[in-house]
Amino acid sequence: MTAFGFAPLASAAIIGTNPPALPLTAERIAALPAAQQRGWKEYLARSEQQLRVDQAFLQVELRQHQLKETVLPPSGRSANSLPLDKPADWYGGAEALRIADIVVSFQTPAGGWSKNLDMSLHPRAPGEAFAPDNRSRALAAADFDTPHRTNWNYVGTFDNDATMTELRYLAKVITVVESDRSGSYRQAFLRGIGYIAAAQYPNGGWPQVWPLEGGYHDMITYNDDASVNLLGLLRDVSRGTNEFAFAPVSLRAMAGSSVRRGVDCLLATQIVVGGHRTVWCQQHDPLTLQPASGRNYEMPSQVSSESAEIVLFLMRLPNPSPQVVAAVHAAAAWFEKTKISGKTFQRTGDDGRRLVSAPGSGPLWARYYEIGTDRPIFGDRDKTIHDKLEEISQERRRGYAWYRDSPRRTLEEYAVWSKAHP
């Protein structure tokens, strides 16, 4: 195994294969030191019980309404059907309330929401599934993205801003609607925050899907900024300002506690190389905290974009601890070390985008860097790992953002922040 967790291969064109992430299981928990096992056992039991409750709820609906099978809801990005940028008074209007009713109807028994739901059309009908068809359209044999349960995929998730978007939308509605009309929205909001608290791991991290779904979904998930967005929501709730002024004091306290534990997890998962802190992976194993795989082409590595958002969140904490300050300085140094100047990532023909010379352009960063060498690496759907973008399939060259400039904004903010926190 290499320093970053995948098996090296002999071919010069392939530098390794991506290993599967290990789900959270009773067997793995049993291997922990005895003092650590209780909290994890209780967490896993709570997840398994909630999964049974969620699935039984749907089965009871089917029997009560004499339905033979579930119907899939309309698919679409939740963020597109739940606007968060309207004037405040819009959220008290008929259209906003119609959408809020749809949001409440699709809340799972556990208290979360699925992803890729179009909530602009109709409320959930009895027997209708809580999630659309979220399966990958390009599954290969033994694909890491293969659903572990048929017709039960991403039922309650933080992926693609799910659950956070619904809660922020409901908060905006609750703020402008008379209290005698907002009861169902308040109840849904409180259940949603409770769902986030229930999903949080004993060490402060969050999985991508809860109740747990297995595979890489059980990893502490920074991919697509899931954990950072959760922390941002909970931070806003804990402050009780703006649209969260209605939040009870007890809920604010619970949210604040979750944020503190989440920050502790961020610090604990920062990758250390040669005694020096660097950045983060997209996923970290919940028990070992080590970098872990995601999809077939997402390997254990140092990632630039998600790490940039983590650092932005840490820099915006009031009165940061010495540990937070040290983590930010270390990550900023890594961004400086790995930046690529004088290049752009652009389409150069029918075979997808490439990194091409462009004097004066940049900086850019590769999405993935090999832990220990800081060289850019690239994954393919067949789980092969490469050190040259040109070696991966045309479909992956076209279908993934292998270079981005996300850390640029982070370094700009760091230039100001570092003066106050030398």
Protein backbone atom coordinates (compact mmCIF):
# COMPACT_ATOMS: atom_id res chain seq x y z
CA MET A 1 0.00 0.00 0.00
CA THR A 2 1.17 3.55 -0.67
CA ALA A 3 1.16 6.38 1.84
CA PHE A 4 -2.28 7.38 0.68
CA GLY A 5 -3.95 4.01 0.94
CA PHE A 6 -4.22 2.49 -2.52
CA ALA A 7 -2.34 -0.45 -3.93
CA PRO A 8 0.52 0.39 -6.36
CA LEU A 9 0.56 -1.32 -9.74
CA ALA A 10 3.48 -2.08 -12.05
CA SER A 11 2.23 -0.19 -15.11
CA ALA A 12 3.87 3.19 -15.63
CA ALA A 13 0.52 4.62 -16.69
CA ILE A 14 -1.29 3.44 -13.55
CA ILE A 15 0.13 4.28 -10.14
CA GLY A 16 -2.46 2.48 -8.02
CA THR A 17 -5.99 1.22 -7.52
CA ASN A 18 -8.62 2.83 -5.31
CA PRO A 19 -9.57 0.69 -2.28
CA PRO A 20 -13.16 0.57 -1.01
CA ALA A 21 -14.07 2.55 2.08
CA LEU A 22 -14.92 0.38 5.08
CA PRO A 23 -18.45 0.90 6.43
CA LEU A 24 -19.17 1.40 10.11
CA THR A 25 -19.97 -2.05 11.48
CA ALA A 26 -20.31 -3.80 14.83
CA GLU A 27 -17.19 -5.82 14.04
CA ARG A 28 -15.11 -2.71 13.51
CA ILE A 29 -16.44 -1.11 16.68
CA ALA A 30 -15.59 -4.27 18.64
CA ALA A 31 -11.95 -3.80 17.64
CA LEU A 32 -11.78 -0.38 19.32
CA PRO A 33 -10.38 0.07 22.83
CA ALA A 34 -13.06 -0.94 25.33
CA ALA A 35 -13.45 2.61 26.66
CA GLN A 36 -14.44 3.89 23.19
CA GLN A 37 -16.93 1.21 22.23
CA ARG A 38 -20.05 2.23 24.13
CA GLY A 39 -20.75 5.48 22.31
CA TRP A 40 -20.21 3.90 18.91
CA LYS A 41 -22.36 0.87 19.75
CA GLU A 42 -25.20 3.15 20.84
CA TYR A 43 -24.81 5.23 17.68
CA LEU A 44 -24.92 2.19 15.39
CA ALA A 45 -27.93 0.74 17.22
CA ARG A 46 -29.76 4.06 16.92
CA SER A 47 -29.05 4.18 13.19
CA GLU A 48 -30.25 0.62 12.63
CA GLN A 49 -33.41 1.23 14.63
CA GLN A 50 -34.18 4.43 12.74
CA LEU A 51 -33.71 2.64 9.42
CA ARG A 52 -36.30 0.05 10.46
CA VAL A 53 -38.69 2.81 11.51
CA ASP A 54 -38.27 4.70 8.23
CA GLN A 55 -38.82 1.63 6.08
CA ALA A 56 -41.75 0.38 8.16
CA PHE A 57 -43.45 3.78 7.81
CA LEU A 58 -43.52 3.44 4.04
CA GLN A 59 -44.69 -0.16 4.15
CA VAL A 60 -47.58 0.76 6.45
CA GLU A 61 -48.63 3.50 4.03
CA LEU A 62 -48.63 1.06 1.15
CA ARG A 63 -50.86 -1.39 3.04
CA GLN A 64 -53.22 1.28 4.31
CA HIS A 65 -53.76 2.66 0.84
CA GLN A 66 -53.75 -0.76 -0.86
CA LEU A 67 -50.79 0.14 -3.04
CA LYS A 68 -48.55 -2.52 -4.56
CA GLU A 69 -45.40 -0.44 -4.92
CA THR A 70 -43.99 2.99 -4.30
CA VAL A 71 -43.92 5.77 -6.87
CA LEU A 72 -40.75 7.80 -7.34
CA PRO A 73 -41.07 11.56 -6.69
CA PRO A 74 -40.02 14.17 -9.26
CA SER A 75 -36.29 14.62 -9.61
CA GLY A 76 -34.46 17.94 -9.62
CA ARG A 77 -31.97 19.94 -7.58
CA SER A 78 -33.58 20.96 -4.29
CA ALA A 79 -31.60 24.19 -4.34
CA ASN A 80 -33.35 25.15 -7.59
CA SER A 81 -36.87 24.58 -6.24
CA LEU A 82 -36.21 26.11 -2.80
CA PRO A 83 -35.07 29.71 -3.33
CA LEU A 84 -33.11 31.21 -0.44
CA ASP A 85 -32.48 34.63 -1.98
CA LYS A 86 -35.97 36.14 -2.20
CA PRO A 87 -37.02 39.31 -0.35
CA ALA A 88 -38.12 38.54 3.20
CA ASP A 89 -41.82 39.23 2.58
CA TRP A 90 -41.90 36.70 -0.30
CA TYR A 91 -41.62 33.86 2.22
CA GLY A 92 -45.00 34.78 3.67
CA GLY A 93 -46.77 34.62 0.32
CA ALA A 94 -48.95 31.90 -1.12
CA GLU A 95 -46.28 30.40 -3.38
CA ALA A 96 -43.70 30.23 -0.61
CA LEU A 97 -46.18 28.54 1.73
CA ARG A 98 -47.21 26.08 -0.97
CA ILE A 99 -43.59 25.06 -1.36
CA ALA A 100 -43.11 24.91 2.42
CA ASP A 101 -45.99 22.44 2.65
CA ILE A 102 -44.29 20.28 0.02
CA VAL A 103 -41.03 20.44 1.97
CA VAL A 104 -42.75 19.26 5.15
CA SER A 105 -44.46 16.42 3.29
CA PHE A 106 -41.13 14.99 2.06
CA GLN A 107 -39.41 15.03 5.47
CA THR A 108 -38.45 11.48 6.36
CA PRO A 109 -39.61 9.90 9.62
CA ALA A 110 -36.03 10.35 10.85
CA GLY A 111 -36.30 14.11 10.21
CA GLY A 112 -34.08 14.63 7.15
CA TRP A 113 -34.58 14.94 3.43
CA SER A 114 -33.23 13.19 0.35
CA LYS A 115 -31.30 14.94 -2.41
CA ASN A 116 -32.25 15.86 -5.98
CA LEU A 117 -35.93 16.37 -5.16
CA ASP A 118 -38.03 18.85 -7.10
CA MET A 119 -40.21 20.40 -4.41
CA SER A 120 -41.98 22.86 -6.64
CA LEU A 121 -44.62 20.47 -7.99
CA HIS A 122 -46.75 18.60 -5.45
CA PRO A 123 -46.78 17.34 -1.86
CA ARG A 124 -45.70 13.80 -1.22
CA ALA A 125 -48.56 11.35 -1.77
CA PRO A 126 -49.20 8.29 0.44
CA GLY A 127 -46.84 5.53 -0.60
CA GLU A 128 -44.63 7.88 -2.61
CA ALA A 129 -40.93 7.34 -1.99
CA PHE A 130 -38.98 9.91 0.01
CA ALA A 131 -36.17 9.91 -2.56
CA PRO A 132 -36.02 9.98 -6.37
CA ASP A 133 -33.85 7.58 -8.32
CA ASN A 134 -30.41 8.71 -7.11
CA ARG A 135 -28.50 5.80 -8.62
CA SER A 136 -25.46 6.53 -10.72
CA ARG A 137 -26.09 6.28 -14.45
CA ALA A 138 -22.64 4.79 -15.04
CA LEU A 139 -22.35 1.88 -12.62
CA ALA A 140 -19.58 -0.64 -13.25
CA ALA A 141 -19.08 -4.08 -11.75
CA ALA A 142 -18.51 -3.87 -7.98
CA ASP A 143 -18.94 -0.10 -8.23
CA PHE A 144 -18.48 1.80 -4.96
CA ASP A 145 -21.68 3.69 -5.86
CA THR A 146 -23.91 0.61 -6.11
CA PRO A 147 -26.83 1.02 -3.66
CA HIS A 148 -26.61 -1.36 -0.73
CA ARG A 149 -30.40 -1.63 -0.54
CA THR A 150 -32.66 -1.84 -3.57
CA ASN A 151 -34.99 1.17 -3.82
CA TRP A 152 -33.56 2.74 -0.64
CA ASN A 153 -30.82 5.15 -1.56
CA TYR A 154 -29.96 8.54 -0.02
CA VAL A 155 -33.11 8.48 2.13
CA GLY A 156 -31.96 11.25 4.43
CA THR A 157 -28.68 12.85 3.38
CA PHE A 158 -26.45 15.93 3.54
CA ASP A 159 -25.20 15.45 -0.03
CA ASN A 160 -25.89 18.22 -2.56
CA ASP A 161 -26.95 20.55 0.28
CA ALA A 162 -29.90 18.30 1.13
CA THR A 163 -31.52 18.80 4.55
CA MET A 164 -29.63 22.10 5.08
CA THR A 165 -31.46 23.75 2.17
CA GLU A 166 -34.86 22.61 3.45
CA LEU A 167 -34.13 23.83 6.98
CA ARG A 168 -32.90 27.23 5.82
CA TYR A 169 -35.99 27.59 3.65
CA LEU A 170 -38.34 26.68 6.48
CA ALA A 171 -36.59 29.15 8.81
CA LYS A 172 -37.23 31.98 6.36
CA VAL A 173 -40.91 31.04 6.19
CA ILE A 174 -41.28 30.68 9.96
CA THR A 175 -39.79 34.15 10.48
CA VAL A 176 -42.47 35.97 8.49
CA VAL A 177 -45.53 33.78 9.06
CA GLU A 178 -47.83 34.35 12.02
CA SER A 179 -47.17 31.88 14.84
CA ASP A 180 -50.66 30.37 14.59
CA ARG A 181 -49.94 29.39 10.97
CA SER A 182 -46.35 28.21 11.34
CA GLY A 183 -46.83 25.24 13.67
CA SER A 184 -46.11 22.52 11.13
CA TYR A 185 -43.07 24.39 9.81
CA ARG A 186 -41.66 24.88 13.30
CA GLN A 187 -42.17 21.23 14.13
CA ALA A 188 -40.43 20.17 10.92
CA PHE A 189 -37.54 22.53 11.61
CA LEU A 190 -37.04 21.24 15.15
CA ARG A 191 -37.15 17.65 13.88
CA GLY A 192 -34.61 18.52 11.21
CA ILE A 193 -32.11 19.94 13.69
CA GLY A 194 -32.70 16.88 15.84
CA TYR A 195 -31.95 14.73 12.81
CA ILE A 196 -28.60 16.48 12.32
CA ALA A 197 -27.77 15.97 15.99
CA ALA A 198 -28.70 12.28 15.82
CA ALA A 199 -26.54 11.77 12.73
CA GLN A 200 -23.43 13.35 14.26
CA TYR A 201 -20.78 10.79 15.13
CA PRO A 202 -19.42 10.47 18.68
CA ASN A 203 -16.22 12.17 17.48
CA GLY A 204 -18.10 15.12 15.97
CA GLY A 205 -18.10 14.20 12.27
CA TRP A 206 -21.06 13.48 10.02
CA PRO A 207 -21.71 10.71 7.50
CA GLN A 208 -23.10 11.54 4.09
CA VAL A 209 -26.30 9.55 4.64
CA TRP A 210 -28.25 8.82 7.83
CA PRO A 211 -29.52 6.34 8.86
CA LEU A 212 -26.26 4.82 7.70
CA GLU A 213 -26.24 3.34 4.21
CA GLY A 214 -22.85 1.62 4.22
CA GLY A 215 -19.85 1.99 1.94
CA TYR A 216 -18.30 5.41 1.49
CA HIS A 217 -21.56 7.03 2.63
CA ASP A 218 -20.51 6.15 6.21
CA MET A 219 -17.32 8.19 5.96
CA ILE A 220 -16.95 11.56 7.66
CA THR A 221 -17.92 13.57 4.60
CA TYR A 222 -16.28 16.82 3.55
CA ASN A 223 -17.05 16.14 -0.13
CA ASP A 224 -19.05 18.95 -1.74
CA ASP A 225 -18.69 20.83 1.57
CA ALA A 226 -21.32 18.71 3.33
CA SER A 227 -19.84 18.98 6.84
CA VAL A 228 -18.87 22.64 6.45
CA ASN A 229 -22.40 23.50 5.33
CA LEU A 230 -23.79 21.64 8.33
CA LEU A 231 -21.46 23.53 10.64
CA GLY A 232 -22.48 26.81 9.03
CA LEU A 233 -26.15 26.08 9.55
CA LEU A 234 -25.66 25.03 13.16
CA ARG A 235 -23.49 28.09 13.83
CA ASP A 236 -26.27 30.35 12.56
CA VAL A 237 -28.88 28.52 14.63
CA SER A 238 -26.70 28.76 17.75
CA ARG A 239 -26.43 32.53 17.33
CA GLY A 240 -30.19 32.90 17.08
CA THR A 241 -30.01 35.92 14.79
CA ASN A 242 -31.85 36.89 11.59
CA GLU A 243 -34.21 34.12 10.44
CA PHE A 244 -33.14 31.90 13.35
CA ALA A 245 -34.27 34.32 16.05
CA PHE A 246 -37.28 32.03 16.69
CA ALA A 247 -35.02 29.12 17.72
CA PRO A 248 -35.53 28.18 21.40
CA VAL A 249 -32.61 28.72 23.76
CA SER A 250 -32.26 24.96 24.27
CA LEU A 251 -31.97 24.41 20.51
CA ARG A 252 -29.33 27.13 20.20
CA ALA A 253 -27.31 25.49 22.97
CA MET A 254 -27.55 22.08 21.28
CA ALA A 255 -26.46 23.59 17.96
CA GLY A 256 -23.52 25.33 19.62
CA SER A 257 -22.40 22.07 21.23
CA SER A 258 -22.58 20.31 17.85
CA VAL A 259 -20.43 23.04 16.28
CA ARG A 260 -17.74 22.69 18.93
CA ARG A 261 -17.61 18.94 18.45
CA GLY A 262 -17.57 19.38 14.68
CA VAL A 263 -14.60 21.76 14.89
CA ASP A 264 -12.77 19.24 17.07
CA CYS A 265 -13.32 16.66 14.32
CA LEU A 266 -11.96 19.04 11.67
CA LEU A 267 -8.79 19.48 13.69
CA ALA A 268 -8.47 15.74 14.34
CA THR A 269 -8.80 14.83 10.66
CA GLN A 270 -6.31 17.33 9.24
CA ILE A 271 -3.73 15.23 7.40
CA VAL A 272 -0.24 15.22 8.93
CA VAL A 273 2.78 14.48 6.72
CA GLY A 274 6.26 14.33 8.21
CA GLY A 275 5.03 15.93 11.42
CA HIS A 276 3.42 18.86 9.57
CA ARG A 277 -0.31 19.52 9.20
CA THR A 278 -1.52 19.92 5.62
CA VAL A 279 -5.17 19.80 4.50
CA TRP A 280 -8.03 17.29 4.34
CA CYS A 281 -9.43 14.46 2.23
CA GLN A 282 -12.96 14.42 0.81
CA GLN A 283 -13.81 11.55 3.15
CA HIS A 284 -12.25 10.31 6.39
CA ASP A 285 -12.86 6.98 8.07
CA PRO A 286 -15.15 7.58 11.08
CA LEU A 287 -13.12 5.30 13.38
CA THR A 288 -9.51 5.75 12.27
CA LEU A 289 -9.97 9.32 10.94
CA GLN A 290 -7.67 8.39 8.05
CA PRO A 291 -8.31 9.58 4.47
CA ALA A 292 -10.77 7.28 2.72
CA SER A 293 -12.19 6.63 -0.73
CA GLY A 294 -15.44 7.95 -2.11
CA ARG A 295 -16.64 6.98 -5.56
CA ASN A 296 -14.48 4.82 -7.84
CA TYR A 297 -12.49 7.84 -9.02
CA GLU A 298 -12.24 9.62 -5.65
CA MET A 299 -9.18 8.27 -3.87
CA PRO A 300 -7.60 8.86 -0.45
CA SER A 301 -5.67 12.07 -1.02
CA GLN A 302 -5.26 15.70 -0.09
CA VAL A 303 -8.05 17.73 -1.72
CA SER A 304 -7.91 21.41 -2.55
CA SER A 305 -11.51 22.61 -2.95
CA GLU A 306 -13.12 21.12 0.14
CA SER A 307 -10.05 22.00 2.20
CA ALA A 308 -10.34 25.61 1.06
CA GLU A 309 -13.91 25.78 2.39
CA ILE A 310 -12.88 24.18 5.68
CA VAL A 311 -10.21 26.83 6.16
CA LEU A 312 -12.68 29.61 5.35
CA PHE A 313 -15.01 28.25 8.03
CA LEU A 314 -12.20 28.04 10.59
CA MET A 315 -11.04 31.59 9.85
CA ARG A 316 -14.55 32.90 10.50
CA LEU A 317 -14.76 31.42 13.99
CA PRO A 318 -14.77 34.10 16.68
CA ASN A 319 -11.88 33.88 19.15
CA PRO A 320 -10.21 30.88 17.48
CA SER A 321 -8.23 28.55 19.73
CA PRO A 322 -4.47 28.12 19.29
CA GLN A 323 -5.23 24.75 17.68
CA VAL A 324 -7.52 26.37 15.10
CA VAL A 325 -4.96 29.11 14.38
CA ALA A 326 -2.24 26.51 13.85
CA ALA A 327 -4.49 24.46 11.55
CA VAL A 328 -5.26 27.49 9.38
CA HIS A 329 -1.63 28.59 9.05
CA ALA A 330 -0.58 25.05 8.10
CA ALA A 331 -3.27 24.67 5.45
CA ALA A 332 -2.50 28.08 3.96
CA ALA A 333 1.17 27.10 3.69
CA TRP A 334 0.15 23.93 1.84
CA PHE A 335 -2.01 25.92 -0.58
CA GLU A 336 0.96 28.18 -1.33
CA LYS A 337 3.21 25.18 -1.81
CA THR A 338 0.92 23.37 -4.25
CA LYS A 339 -0.48 26.21 -6.35
CA ILE A 340 -0.05 26.10 -10.11
CA SER A 341 0.61 29.38 -11.91
CA GLY A 342 0.66 30.24 -15.60
CA LYS A 343 -1.86 27.54 -16.53
CA THR A 344 -5.57 27.27 -17.33
CA PHE A 345 -7.85 24.23 -17.39
CA GLN A 346 -9.85 24.40 -20.59
CA ARG A 347 -11.41 22.37 -23.35
CA THR A 348 -8.91 21.68 -26.12
CA GLY A 349 -10.96 19.43 -28.39
CA ASP A 350 -13.45 16.60 -28.35
CA ASP A 351 -11.52 14.62 -25.74
CA GLY A 352 -12.22 16.98 -22.86
CA ARG A 353 -10.35 19.64 -20.88
CA ARG A 354 -6.62 19.87 -20.31
CA LEU A 355 -4.18 21.96 -18.34
CA VAL A 356 -2.58 24.33 -20.87
CA SER A 357 0.02 27.06 -20.67
CA ALA A 358 -1.36 30.57 -20.15
CA PRO A 359 1.25 33.04 -18.89
CA GLY A 360 -0.15 35.29 -16.19
CA SER A 361 -3.06 32.99 -15.41
CA GLY A 362 -3.81 31.24 -12.16
CA PRO A 363 -3.25 30.19 -9.57
CA LEU A 364 -4.98 26.84 -9.94
CA TRP A 365 -4.90 23.71 -7.84
CA ALA A 366 -5.44 20.09 -8.79
CA ARG A 367 -8.46 18.56 -7.14
CA TYR A 368 -6.41 15.68 -5.68
CA TYR A 369 -2.83 15.46 -4.47
CA GLU A 370 -0.90 12.35 -3.47
CA ILE A 371 -0.25 12.33 0.26
CA GLY A 372 3.49 12.46 0.86
CA THR A 373 4.55 13.77 -2.55
CA ASP A 374 1.99 16.52 -3.29
CA ARG A 375 1.83 15.48 -6.95
CA PRO A 376 -1.56 15.80 -8.68
CA ILE A 377 -3.36 12.49 -9.16
CA PHE A 378 -6.45 11.47 -11.12
CA GLY A 379 -8.94 8.63 -10.77
CA ASP A 380 -11.04 6.72 -13.30
CA ARG A 381 -14.27 4.74 -13.14
CA ASP A 382 -12.33 1.47 -13.21
CA LYS A 383 -10.69 2.50 -9.88
CA THR A 384 -7.29 3.05 -11.45
CA ILE A 385 -5.20 5.95 -10.18
CA HIS A 386 -3.02 8.00 -12.56
CA ASP A 387 -0.53 10.82 -12.31
CA LYS A 388 -1.41 12.18 -15.75
CA LEU A 389 -4.86 13.49 -16.63
CA GLU A 390 -4.45 12.40 -20.25
CA GLU A 391 -4.35 8.76 -19.16
CA ILE A 392 -7.89 8.57 -17.76
CA SER A 393 -11.01 7.90 -19.82
CA GLN A 394 -12.55 10.56 -21.99
CA GLU A 395 -15.78 10.37 -19.97
CA ARG A 396 -13.97 11.25 -16.73
CA ARG A 397 -11.83 13.94 -18.36
CA ARG A 398 -15.02 15.60 -19.49
CA GLY A 399 -17.12 14.89 -16.43
CA TYR A 400 -15.10 16.10 -13.47
CA ALA A 401 -13.45 19.34 -12.33
CA TRP A 402 -9.86 18.12 -12.00
CA TYR A 403 -8.43 21.62 -11.53
CA ARG A 404 -10.07 24.47 -9.66
CA ASP A 405 -9.20 27.85 -8.18
CA SER A 406 -11.18 27.51 -4.92
CA PRO A 407 -8.18 28.10 -2.60
CA ARG A 408 -7.53 31.47 -4.23
CA ARG A 409 -10.34 33.15 -2.28
CA THR A 410 -9.20 31.37 0.87
CA LEU A 411 -5.66 32.73 0.54
CA GLU A 412 -7.00 36.23 -0.11
CA GLU A 413 -8.98 36.10 3.13
CA TYR A 414 -6.05 34.49 4.91
CA ALA A 415 -3.83 37.46 4.02
CA VAL A 416 -6.08 39.64 6.20
CA TRP A 417 -6.85 37.04 8.86
CA SER A 418 -3.19 36.16 9.45
CA LYS A 419 -2.38 39.72 10.50
CA ALA A 420 -4.83 39.40 13.39
CA HIS A 421 -3.67 35.85 14.18
CA PRO A 422 0.09 35.71 13.58
